[in-house]
Amino acid sequence: MKIAYLIYLDVLEDRVTKLLNDCDIQSYFEWENVAGKFRGQEGHFGTRAYPGLDKIKLIPTAREEKFEKLISLIKEFNDSITKKSDEIRMYLLPLEQII
């Protein structure tokens, strides 16, 4: 079992939802209005200087094969954009148990 965290700019919500639908991922939890930045990149803090905010989706699943397709689609998306701070990030971790 695995758990994934997707971190992305809030204006990408429609694209991220489409990626999840394309992978038949129907269960997730979401945080909105998340401020932050990755090292060496512009941040998203919801200000004039650093516009936009991020979202985080937490996706637990026992069907790990769904993540293989999602990883591929995220890489494809990230290769198509020009601004590195607009990439979709994914952290994939082991999940010991779902109750």
C-alpha atoms as a PDB file:
ATOM      1  CA  MET A   1       0.000   0.000   0.000  1.00  0.00           C
ATOM      2  CA  LYS A   2       1.091   3.554  -0.711  1.00  0.00           C
ATOM      3  CA  ILE A   3       0.070   7.089   0.079  1.00  0.00           C
ATOM      4  CA  ALA A   4       0.747  10.023  -2.221  1.00  0.00           C
ATOM      5  CA  TYR A   5       0.811  13.738  -1.590  1.00  0.00           C
ATOM      6  CA  LEU A   6       0.238  15.952  -4.636  1.00  0.00           C
ATOM      7  CA  ILE A   7       1.259  19.599  -4.272  1.00  0.00           C
ATOM      8  CA  TYR A   8       0.254  22.001  -7.029  1.00  0.00           C
ATOM      9  CA  LEU A   9      -0.723  25.581  -7.812  1.00  0.00           C
ATOM     10  CA  ASP A  10      -4.438  26.101  -7.140  1.00  0.00           C
ATOM     11  CA  VAL A  11      -5.180  27.262 -10.705  1.00  0.00           C
ATOM     12  CA  LEU A  12      -4.216  23.755 -11.883  1.00  0.00           C
ATOM     13  CA  GLU A  13      -7.170  22.154 -10.050  1.00  0.00           C
ATOM     14  CA  ASP A  14      -9.029  21.195 -13.252  1.00  0.00           C
ATOM     15  CA  ARG A  15      -5.927  19.561 -14.729  1.00  0.00           C
ATOM     16  CA  VAL A  16      -5.132  17.655 -11.538  1.00  0.00           C
ATOM     17  CA  THR A  17      -8.747  16.462 -11.282  1.00  0.00           C
ATOM     18  CA  LYS A  18      -8.524  15.211 -14.868  1.00  0.00           C
ATOM     19  CA  LEU A  19      -5.282  13.336 -14.085  1.00  0.00           C
ATOM     20  CA  LEU A  20      -6.942  11.647 -11.104  1.00  0.00           C
ATOM     21  CA  ASN A  21      -9.997  10.734 -13.174  1.00  0.00           C
ATOM     22  CA  ASP A  22      -7.768   9.339 -15.946  1.00  0.00           C
ATOM     23  CA  CYS A  23      -6.154   7.081 -13.321  1.00  0.00           C
ATOM     24  CA  ASP A  24      -9.503   6.091 -11.771  1.00  0.00           C
ATOM     25  CA  ILE A  25      -8.457   7.614  -8.445  1.00  0.00           C
ATOM     26  CA  GLN A  26     -11.655   8.460  -6.607  1.00  0.00           C
ATOM     27  CA  SER A  27     -10.566   8.731  -2.973  1.00  0.00           C
ATOM     28  CA  TYR A  28      -8.504  11.645  -1.742  1.00  0.00           C
ATOM     29  CA  PHE A  29      -8.399  14.367   0.887  1.00  0.00           C
ATOM     30  CA  GLU A  30      -7.610  17.983   0.092  1.00  0.00           C
ATOM     31  CA  TRP A  31      -6.015  20.990   1.752  1.00  0.00           C
ATOM     32  CA  GLU A  32      -6.693  24.382   0.180  1.00  0.00           C
ATOM     33  CA  ASN A  33      -4.952  27.758   0.497  1.00  0.00           C
ATOM     34  CA  VAL A  34      -1.542  26.293   1.280  1.00  0.00           C
ATOM     35  CA  ALA A  35       1.357  28.775   1.144  1.00  0.00           C
ATOM     36  CA  GLY A  36       4.912  27.670   0.489  1.00  0.00           C
ATOM     37  CA  LYS A  37       7.824  27.302  -1.876  1.00  0.00           C
ATOM     38  CA  PHE A  38      10.375  24.803  -3.090  1.00  0.00           C
ATOM     39  CA  ARG A  39      14.088  25.553  -2.822  1.00  0.00           C
ATOM     40  CA  GLY A  40      15.351  27.716  -5.664  1.00  0.00           C
ATOM     41  CA  GLN A  41      11.863  28.600  -6.911  1.00  0.00           C
ATOM     42  CA  GLU A  42       9.339  31.385  -6.544  1.00  0.00           C
ATOM     43  CA  GLY A  43       6.820  30.782  -3.808  1.00  0.00           C
ATOM     44  CA  HIS A  44       3.032  30.840  -3.840  1.00  0.00           C
ATOM     45  CA  PHE A  45       1.944  32.994  -0.901  1.00  0.00           C
ATOM     46  CA  GLY A  46      -1.241  34.667  -2.157  1.00  0.00           C
ATOM     47  CA  THR A  47       0.382  38.125  -2.302  1.00  0.00           C
ATOM     48  CA  ARG A  48       1.063  40.561  -5.135  1.00  0.00           C
ATOM     49  CA  ALA A  49       4.747  39.737  -5.000  1.00  0.00           C
ATOM     50  CA  TYR A  50       4.150  35.959  -4.835  1.00  0.00           C
ATOM     51  CA  PRO A  51       0.691  35.342  -6.323  1.00  0.00           C
ATOM     52  CA  GLY A  52      -1.297  32.150  -6.083  1.00  0.00           C
ATOM     53  CA  LEU A  53      -1.627  29.518  -3.412  1.00  0.00           C
ATOM     54  CA  ASP A  54      -1.047  25.792  -3.494  1.00  0.00           C
ATOM     55  CA  LYS A  55      -3.309  22.836  -2.850  1.00  0.00           C
ATOM     56  CA  ILE A  56      -2.386  19.440  -1.453  1.00  0.00           C
ATOM     57  CA  LYS A  57      -4.182  16.195  -2.166  1.00  0.00           C
ATOM     58  CA  LEU A  58      -3.537  13.175   0.066  1.00  0.00           C
ATOM     59  CA  ILE A  59      -4.272   9.933  -1.805  1.00  0.00           C
ATOM     60  CA  PRO A  60      -4.150   6.588   0.041  1.00  0.00           C
ATOM     61  CA  THR A  61      -4.593   3.358  -1.917  1.00  0.00           C
ATOM     62  CA  ALA A  62      -3.994  -0.354  -1.745  1.00  0.00           C
ATOM     63  CA  ARG A  63      -3.929  -0.437  -5.570  1.00  0.00           C
ATOM     64  CA  GLU A  64      -0.408   0.806  -6.246  1.00  0.00           C
ATOM     65  CA  GLU A  65      -0.682   0.341 -10.022  1.00  0.00           C
ATOM     66  CA  LYS A  66      -2.831   3.484 -10.125  1.00  0.00           C
ATOM     67  CA  PHE A  67       0.190   5.505  -9.052  1.00  0.00           C
ATOM     68  CA  GLU A  68       2.333   4.205 -11.927  1.00  0.00           C
ATOM     69  CA  LYS A  69       0.008   5.828 -14.455  1.00  0.00           C
ATOM     70  CA  LEU A  70      -0.321   8.983 -12.339  1.00  0.00           C
ATOM     71  CA  ILE A  71       3.466   9.358 -12.142  1.00  0.00           C
ATOM     72  CA  SER A  72       3.707   9.065 -15.915  1.00  0.00           C
ATOM     73  CA  LEU A  73       0.975  11.669 -16.477  1.00  0.00           C
ATOM     74  CA  ILE A  74       2.530  14.092 -13.974  1.00  0.00           C
ATOM     75  CA  LYS A  75       5.940  13.783 -15.658  1.00  0.00           C
ATOM     76  CA  GLU A  76       4.301  14.430 -19.025  1.00  0.00           C
ATOM     77  CA  PHE A  77       2.536  17.516 -17.651  1.00  0.00           C
ATOM     78  CA  ASN A  78       5.689  18.850 -15.976  1.00  0.00           C
ATOM     79  CA  ASP A  79       7.666  18.432 -19.212  1.00  0.00           C
ATOM     80  CA  SER A  80       5.118  20.632 -21.012  1.00  0.00           C
ATOM     81  CA  ILE A  81       5.330  23.699 -18.752  1.00  0.00           C
ATOM     82  CA  THR A  82       7.947  26.442 -18.823  1.00  0.00           C
ATOM     83  CA  LYS A  83       7.853  27.769 -15.246  1.00  0.00           C
ATOM     84  CA  LYS A  84       9.386  25.293 -12.810  1.00  0.00           C
ATOM     85  CA  SER A  85       7.386  26.656  -9.842  1.00  0.00           C
ATOM     86  CA  ASP A  86       4.176  25.602 -11.654  1.00  0.00           C
ATOM     87  CA  GLU A  87       5.100  21.905 -11.680  1.00  0.00           C
ATOM     88  CA  ILE A  88       2.924  19.332  -9.970  1.00  0.00           C
ATOM     89  CA  ARG A  89       4.909  17.659  -7.179  1.00  0.00           C
ATOM     90  CA  MET A  90       4.232  14.164  -5.911  1.00  0.00           C
ATOM     91  CA  TYR A  91       5.590  12.505  -2.787  1.00  0.00           C
ATOM     92  CA  LEU A  92       4.971   8.754  -2.646  1.00  0.00           C
ATOM     93  CA  LEU A  93       5.356   6.955   0.687  1.00  0.00           C
ATOM     94  CA  PRO A  94       4.713   3.478   2.086  1.00  0.00           C
ATOM     95  CA  LEU A  95       1.409   3.081   3.915  1.00  0.00           C
ATOM     96  CA  GLU A  96       1.303   0.443   6.627  1.00  0.00           C
ATOM     97  CA  GLN A  97      -2.418   0.120   7.167  1.00  0.00           C
ATOM     98  CA  ILE A  98      -5.820   1.454   6.119  1.00  0.00           C
ATOM     99  CA  ILE A  99      -8.551   0.908   8.704  1.00  0.00           C
END
